[in-house]
PDB file of N, CA and C in Angstrom:
ATOM      1  N   MET A   1       4.651 -15.734  14.535  1.00  0.00           N
ATOM      2  CA  MET A   1       4.874 -15.172  13.223  1.00  0.00           C
ATOM      3  C   MET A   1       5.584 -16.198  12.349  1.00  0.00           C
ATOM      4  N   THR A   2       5.248 -16.192  11.083  1.00  0.00           N
ATOM      5  CA  THR A   2       5.834 -17.102  10.113  1.00  0.00           C
ATOM      6  C   THR A   2       6.810 -16.331   9.233  1.00  0.00           C
ATOM      7  N   ALA A   3       8.007 -16.884   9.050  1.00  0.00           N
ATOM      8  CA  ALA A   3       9.015 -16.269   8.187  1.00  0.00           C
ATOM      9  C   ALA A   3       9.142 -17.103   6.921  1.00  0.00           C
ATOM     10  N   LEU A   4       9.094 -16.435   5.769  1.00  0.00           N
ATOM     11  CA  LEU A   4       9.220 -17.096   4.478  1.00  0.00           C
ATOM     12  C   LEU A   4      10.447 -16.552   3.767  1.00  0.00           C
ATOM     13  N   SER A   5      11.260 -17.444   3.228  1.00  0.00           N
ATOM     14  CA  SER A   5      12.445 -17.046   2.468  1.00  0.00           C
ATOM     15  C   SER A   5      12.410 -17.778   1.126  1.00  0.00           C
ATOM     16  N   PHE A   6      12.221 -17.029   0.048  1.00  0.00           N
ATOM     17  CA  PHE A   6      12.030 -17.593  -1.282  1.00  0.00           C
ATOM     18  C   PHE A   6      13.345 -17.679  -2.041  1.00  0.00           C
ATOM     19  N   ASP A   7      13.506 -18.753  -2.821  1.00  0.00           N
ATOM     20  CA  ASP A   7      14.592 -18.842  -3.795  1.00  0.00           C
ATOM     21  C   ASP A   7      14.045 -19.539  -5.036  1.00  0.00           C
ATOM     22  N   GLU A   8      14.874 -19.760  -6.022  1.00  0.00           N
ATOM     23  CA  GLU A   8      14.438 -20.315  -7.308  1.00  0.00           C
ATOM     24  C   GLU A   8      13.810 -21.705  -7.191  1.00  0.00           C
ATOM     25  N   ASP A   9      14.176 -22.458  -6.149  1.00  0.00           N
ATOM     26  CA  ASP A   9      13.756 -23.852  -6.025  1.00  0.00           C
ATOM     27  C   ASP A   9      12.662 -24.103  -5.001  1.00  0.00           C
ATOM     28  N   GLY A  10      12.280 -23.086  -4.231  1.00  0.00           N
ATOM     29  CA  GLY A  10      11.249 -23.280  -3.221  1.00  0.00           C
ATOM     30  C   GLY A  10      11.297 -22.229  -2.130  1.00  0.00           C
ATOM     31  N   VAL A  11      10.707 -22.592  -0.991  1.00  0.00           N
ATOM     32  CA  VAL A  11      10.555 -21.635   0.104  1.00  0.00           C
ATOM     33  C   VAL A  11      11.040 -22.271   1.406  1.00  0.00           C
ATOM     34  N   ASP A  12      11.920 -21.580   2.102  1.00  0.00           N
ATOM     35  CA  ASP A  12      12.283 -21.971   3.463  1.00  0.00           C
ATOM     36  C   ASP A  12      11.291 -21.293   4.389  1.00  0.00           C
ATOM     37  N   VAL A  13      10.716 -22.081   5.296  1.00  0.00           N
ATOM     38  CA  VAL A  13       9.668 -21.593   6.179  1.00  0.00           C
ATOM     39  C   VAL A  13      10.088 -21.799   7.628  1.00  0.00           C
ATOM     40  N   GLU A  14       9.828 -20.787   8.464  1.00  0.00           N
ATOM     41  CA  GLU A  14       9.950 -20.942   9.909  1.00  0.00           C
ATOM     42  C   GLU A  14       8.573 -20.643  10.491  1.00  0.00           C
ATOM     43  N   TYR A  15       7.973 -21.673  11.090  1.00  0.00           N
ATOM     44  CA  TYR A  15       6.616 -21.560  11.620  1.00  0.00           C
ATOM     45  C   TYR A  15       6.596 -22.102  13.042  1.00  0.00           C
ATOM     46  N   GLU A  16       6.274 -21.257  13.984  1.00  0.00           N
ATOM     47  CA  GLU A  16       6.196 -21.623  15.403  1.00  0.00           C
ATOM     48  C   GLU A  16       7.442 -22.370  15.870  1.00  0.00           C
ATOM     49  N   GLY A  17       8.607 -21.861  15.470  1.00  0.00           N
ATOM     50  CA  GLY A  17       9.877 -22.419  15.906  1.00  0.00           C
ATOM     51  C   GLY A  17      10.351 -23.620  15.111  1.00  0.00           C
ATOM     52  N   THR A  18       9.576 -24.071  14.137  1.00  0.00           N
ATOM     53  CA  THR A  18       9.956 -25.206  13.311  1.00  0.00           C
ATOM     54  C   THR A  18      10.342 -24.716  11.920  1.00  0.00           C
ATOM     55  N   GLU A  19      11.483 -25.190  11.433  1.00  0.00           N
ATOM     56  CA  GLU A  19      11.949 -24.812  10.111  1.00  0.00           C
ATOM     57  C   GLU A  19      11.752 -25.972   9.149  1.00  0.00           C
ATOM     58  N   PHE A  20      11.251 -25.668   7.965  1.00  0.00           N
ATOM     59  CA  PHE A  20      11.083 -26.685   6.934  1.00  0.00           C
ATOM     60  C   PHE A  20      11.092 -26.019   5.571  1.00  0.00           C
ATOM     61  N   ARG A  21      11.088 -26.845   4.533  1.00  0.00           N
ATOM     62  CA  ARG A  21      11.172 -26.337   3.167  1.00  0.00           C
ATOM     63  C   ARG A  21       9.965 -26.806   2.362  1.00  0.00           C
ATOM     64  N   LEU A  22       9.412 -25.904   1.562  1.00  0.00           N
ATOM     65  CA  LEU A  22       8.375 -26.230   0.594  1.00  0.00           C
ATOM     66  C   LEU A  22       9.017 -26.141  -0.790  1.00  0.00           C
ATOM     67  N   GLU A  23       9.107 -27.258  -1.464  1.00  0.00           N
ATOM     68  CA  GLU A  23       9.712 -27.278  -2.784  1.00  0.00           C
ATOM     69  C   GLU A  23       8.822 -26.576  -3.815  1.00  0.00           C
ATOM     70  N   LYS A  24       9.433 -26.056  -4.831  1.00  0.00           N
ATOM     71  CA  LYS A  24       8.750 -25.339  -5.907  1.00  0.00           C
ATOM     72  C   LYS A  24       7.566 -26.145  -6.452  1.00  0.00           C
ATOM     73  N   GLU A  25       7.770 -27.429  -6.711  1.00  0.00           N
ATOM     74  CA  GLU A  25       6.722 -28.282  -7.271  1.00  0.00           C
ATOM     75  C   GLU A  25       5.528 -28.393  -6.331  1.00  0.00           C
ATOM     76  N   LEU A  26       5.770 -28.449  -5.042  1.00  0.00           N
ATOM     77  CA  LEU A  26       4.683 -28.528  -4.066  1.00  0.00           C
ATOM     78  C   LEU A  26       3.858 -27.248  -4.070  1.00  0.00           C
ATOM     79  N   VAL A  27       4.520 -26.106  -4.146  1.00  0.00           N
ATOM     80  CA  VAL A  27       3.816 -24.821  -4.196  1.00  0.00           C
ATOM     81  C   VAL A  27       2.970 -24.749  -5.466  1.00  0.00           C
ATOM     82  N   GLU A  28       3.538 -25.179  -6.591  1.00  0.00           N
ATOM     83  CA  GLU A  28       2.791 -25.157  -7.850  1.00  0.00           C
ATOM     84  C   GLU A  28       1.569 -26.063  -7.790  1.00  0.00           C
ATOM     85  N   GLU A  29       1.740 -27.243  -7.234  1.00  0.00           N
ATOM     86  CA  GLU A  29       0.625 -28.183  -7.129  1.00  0.00           C
ATOM     87  C   GLU A  29      -0.467 -27.652  -6.198  1.00  0.00           C
ATOM     88  N   ALA A  30      -0.070 -27.084  -5.083  1.00  0.00           N
ATOM     89  CA  ALA A  30      -1.042 -26.595  -4.101  1.00  0.00           C
ATOM     90  C   ALA A  30      -1.787 -25.352  -4.584  1.00  0.00           C
ATOM     91  N   THR A  31      -1.108 -24.498  -5.329  1.00  0.00           N
ATOM     92  CA  THR A  31      -1.731 -23.245  -5.770  1.00  0.00           C
ATOM     93  C   THR A  31      -2.330 -23.338  -7.175  1.00  0.00           C
ATOM     94  N   GLN A  32      -2.004 -24.417  -7.893  1.00  0.00           N
ATOM     95  CA  GLN A  32      -2.476 -24.609  -9.266  1.00  0.00           C
ATOM     96  C   GLN A  32      -2.036 -23.470 -10.194  1.00  0.00           C
ATOM     97  N   GLN A  33      -0.818 -22.962  -9.942  1.00  0.00           N
ATOM     98  CA  GLN A  33      -0.238 -21.947 -10.819  1.00  0.00           C
ATOM     99  C   GLN A  33       1.274 -22.086 -10.831  1.00  0.00           C
ATOM    100  N   ARG A  34       1.898 -21.441 -11.815  1.00  0.00           N
ATOM    101  CA  ARG A  34       3.351 -21.485 -11.873  1.00  0.00           C
ATOM    102  C   ARG A  34       3.924 -20.872 -10.599  1.00  0.00           C
ATOM    103  N   TYR A  35       5.079 -21.362 -10.183  1.00  0.00           N
ATOM    104  CA  TYR A  35       5.729 -20.903  -8.955  1.00  0.00           C
ATOM    105  C   TYR A  35       5.895 -19.388  -8.945  1.00  0.00           C
ATOM    106  N   VAL A  36       6.391 -18.817 -10.046  1.00  0.00           N
ATOM    107  CA  VAL A  36       6.656 -17.370 -10.083  1.00  0.00           C
ATOM    108  C   VAL A  36       5.381 -16.540 -10.067  1.00  0.00           C
ATOM    109  N   ASP A  37       4.237 -17.151 -10.404  1.00  0.00           N
ATOM    110  CA  ASP A  37       2.964 -16.431 -10.408  1.00  0.00           C
ATOM    111  C   ASP A  37       2.212 -16.547  -9.089  1.00  0.00           C
ATOM    112  N   ALA A  38       2.585 -17.506  -8.251  1.00  0.00           N
ATOM    113  CA  ALA A  38       1.979 -17.623  -6.926  1.00  0.00           C
ATOM    114  C   ALA A  38       2.435 -16.438  -6.077  1.00  0.00           C
ATOM    115  N   THR A  39       1.722 -16.159  -4.999  1.00  0.00           N
ATOM    116  CA  THR A  39       2.082 -15.033  -4.134  1.00  0.00           C
ATOM    117  C   THR A  39       2.545 -15.518  -2.767  1.00  0.00           C
ATOM    118  N   ASP A  40       3.155 -14.591  -2.042  1.00  0.00           N
ATOM    119  CA  ASP A  40       3.552 -14.914  -0.671  1.00  0.00           C
ATOM    120  C   ASP A  40       2.323 -15.252   0.173  1.00  0.00           C
ATOM    121  N   HIS A  41       1.182 -14.651  -0.126  1.00  0.00           N
ATOM    122  CA  HIS A  41      -0.057 -14.959   0.607  1.00  0.00           C
ATOM    123  C   HIS A  41      -0.516 -16.386   0.317  1.00  0.00           C
ATOM    124  N   ASP A  42      -0.350 -16.846  -0.938  1.00  0.00           N
ATOM    125  CA  ASP A  42      -0.692 -18.233  -1.275  1.00  0.00           C
ATOM    126  C   ASP A  42       0.125 -19.201  -0.420  1.00  0.00           C
ATOM    127  N   VAL A  43       1.412 -18.937  -0.305  1.00  0.00           N
ATOM    128  CA  VAL A  43       2.293 -19.812   0.479  1.00  0.00           C
ATOM    129  C   VAL A  43       1.927 -19.736   1.958  1.00  0.00           C
ATOM    130  N   LEU A  44       1.649 -18.554   2.454  1.00  0.00           N
ATOM    131  CA  LEU A  44       1.268 -18.400   3.852  1.00  0.00           C
ATOM    132  C   LEU A  44      -0.004 -19.186   4.168  1.00  0.00           C
ATOM    133  N   ARG A  45      -0.945 -19.213   3.236  1.00  0.00           N
ATOM    134  CA  ARG A  45      -2.174 -20.002   3.423  1.00  0.00           C
ATOM    135  C   ARG A  45      -1.869 -21.493   3.517  1.00  0.00           C
ATOM    136  N   MET A  46      -0.807 -21.938   2.864  1.00  0.00           N
ATOM    137  CA  MET A  46      -0.416 -23.346   2.928  1.00  0.00           C
ATOM    138  C   MET A  46       0.110 -23.706   4.312  1.00  0.00           C
ATOM    139  N   VAL A  47       0.693 -22.734   4.996  1.00  0.00           N
ATOM    140  CA  VAL A  47       1.371 -22.986   6.265  1.00  0.00           C
ATOM    141  C   VAL A  47       0.465 -22.725   7.464  1.00  0.00           C
ATOM    142  N   GLU A  48      -0.227 -21.609   7.461  1.00  0.00           N
ATOM    143  CA  GLU A  48      -1.039 -21.198   8.605  1.00  0.00           C
ATOM    144  C   GLU A  48      -2.516 -21.461   8.356  1.00  0.00           C
ATOM    145  N   GLU A  49      -3.220 -21.839   9.414  1.00  0.00           N
ATOM    146  CA  GLU A  49      -4.644 -22.095   9.311  1.00  0.00           C
ATOM    147  C   GLU A  49      -5.437 -20.815   9.083  1.00  0.00           C
ATOM    148  N   ASP A  50      -5.096 -19.757   9.815  1.00  0.00           N
ATOM    149  CA  ASP A  50      -5.812 -18.484   9.704  1.00  0.00           C
ATOM    150  C   ASP A  50      -4.782 -17.347   9.658  1.00  0.00           C
ATOM    151  N   PRO A  51      -4.126 -17.160   8.494  1.00  0.00           N
ATOM    152  CA  PRO A  51      -3.053 -16.157   8.428  1.00  0.00           C
ATOM    153  C   PRO A  51      -3.567 -14.730   8.566  1.00  0.00           C
ATOM    154  N   ASP A  52      -2.731 -13.881   9.131  1.00  0.00           N
ATOM    155  CA  ASP A  52      -3.028 -12.458   9.269  1.00  0.00           C
ATOM    156  C   ASP A  52      -2.247 -11.714   8.186  1.00  0.00           C
ATOM    157  N   PHE A  53      -2.957 -11.251   7.170  1.00  0.00           N
ATOM    158  CA  PHE A  53      -2.302 -10.553   6.074  1.00  0.00           C
ATOM    159  C   PHE A  53      -2.231  -9.068   6.391  1.00  0.00           C
ATOM    160  N   SER A  54      -1.023  -8.593   6.689  1.00  0.00           N
ATOM    161  CA  SER A  54      -0.847  -7.191   7.037  1.00  0.00           C
ATOM    162  C   SER A  54      -0.277  -6.379   5.873  1.00  0.00           C
ATOM    163  N   SER A  55      -0.077  -7.048   4.737  1.00  0.00           N
ATOM    164  CA  SER A  55       0.472  -6.352   3.572  1.00  0.00           C
ATOM    165  C   SER A  55      -0.221  -6.856   2.306  1.00  0.00           C
ATOM    166  N   GLU A  56       0.057  -6.187   1.203  1.00  0.00           N
ATOM    167  CA  GLU A  56      -0.478  -6.607  -0.087  1.00  0.00           C
ATOM    168  C   GLU A  56       0.266  -7.865  -0.551  1.00  0.00           C
ATOM    169  N   PRO A  57      -0.400  -8.761  -1.270  1.00  0.00           N
ATOM    170  CA  PRO A  57       0.300  -9.960  -1.778  1.00  0.00           C
ATOM    171  C   PRO A  57       1.366  -9.573  -2.801  1.00  0.00           C
ATOM    172  N   ARG A  58       2.457 -10.328  -2.774  1.00  0.00           N
ATOM    173  CA  ARG A  58       3.536 -10.102  -3.739  1.00  0.00           C
ATOM    174  C   ARG A  58       3.808 -11.393  -4.508  1.00  0.00           C
ATOM    175  N   ARG A  59       3.923 -11.290  -5.814  1.00  0.00           N
ATOM    176  CA  ARG A  59       4.249 -12.456  -6.631  1.00  0.00           C
ATOM    177  C   ARG A  59       5.654 -12.949  -6.282  1.00  0.00           C
ATOM    178  N   ILE A  60       5.810 -14.263  -6.256  1.00  0.00           N
ATOM    179  CA  ILE A  60       7.126 -14.831  -5.987  1.00  0.00           C
ATOM    180  C   ILE A  60       8.121 -14.369  -7.040  1.00  0.00           C
ATOM    181  N   GLY A  61       7.690 -14.283  -8.294  1.00  0.00           N
ATOM    182  CA  GLY A  61       8.569 -13.796  -9.354  1.00  0.00           C
ATOM    183  C   GLY A  61       9.102 -12.402  -9.086  1.00  0.00           C
ATOM    184  N   ASP A  62       8.299 -11.552  -8.461  1.00  0.00           N
ATOM    185  CA  ASP A  62       8.746 -10.201  -8.112  1.00  0.00           C
ATOM    186  C   ASP A  62       9.693 -10.222  -6.918  1.00  0.00           C
ATOM    187  N   ILE A  63       9.500 -11.161  -6.013  1.00  0.00           N
ATOM    188  CA  ILE A  63      10.370 -11.274  -4.839  1.00  0.00           C
ATOM    189  C   ILE A  63      11.749 -11.744  -5.260  1.00  0.00           C
ATOM    190  N   LEU A  64      11.776 -12.693  -6.201  1.00  0.00           N
ATOM    191  CA  LEU A  64      13.058 -13.233  -6.664  1.00  0.00           C
ATOM    192  C   LEU A  64      13.804 -12.192  -7.467  1.00  0.00           C
TER     193      LEU A  64
END
C-alpha cells in the first residue's frame, strides 16, 4: 500500500517501505495542471505502475 501525505509544497510518499518526497513543481509538470487541481489519483499514478483505486479521486486543493 502507498501512503500519501499532502502539504502546500508537495507530497510525502511511502511506497513499499521507501519514503520520499514529490515536490509541488514535479507534480505540476507530470500532471500538466496546477498542484491544487491535480488529484490524489494523479499522484498515485506517478508512484505505482498499476494503482488500485478504491475511492473517488480528490483534488489536492480539497485535501489541503
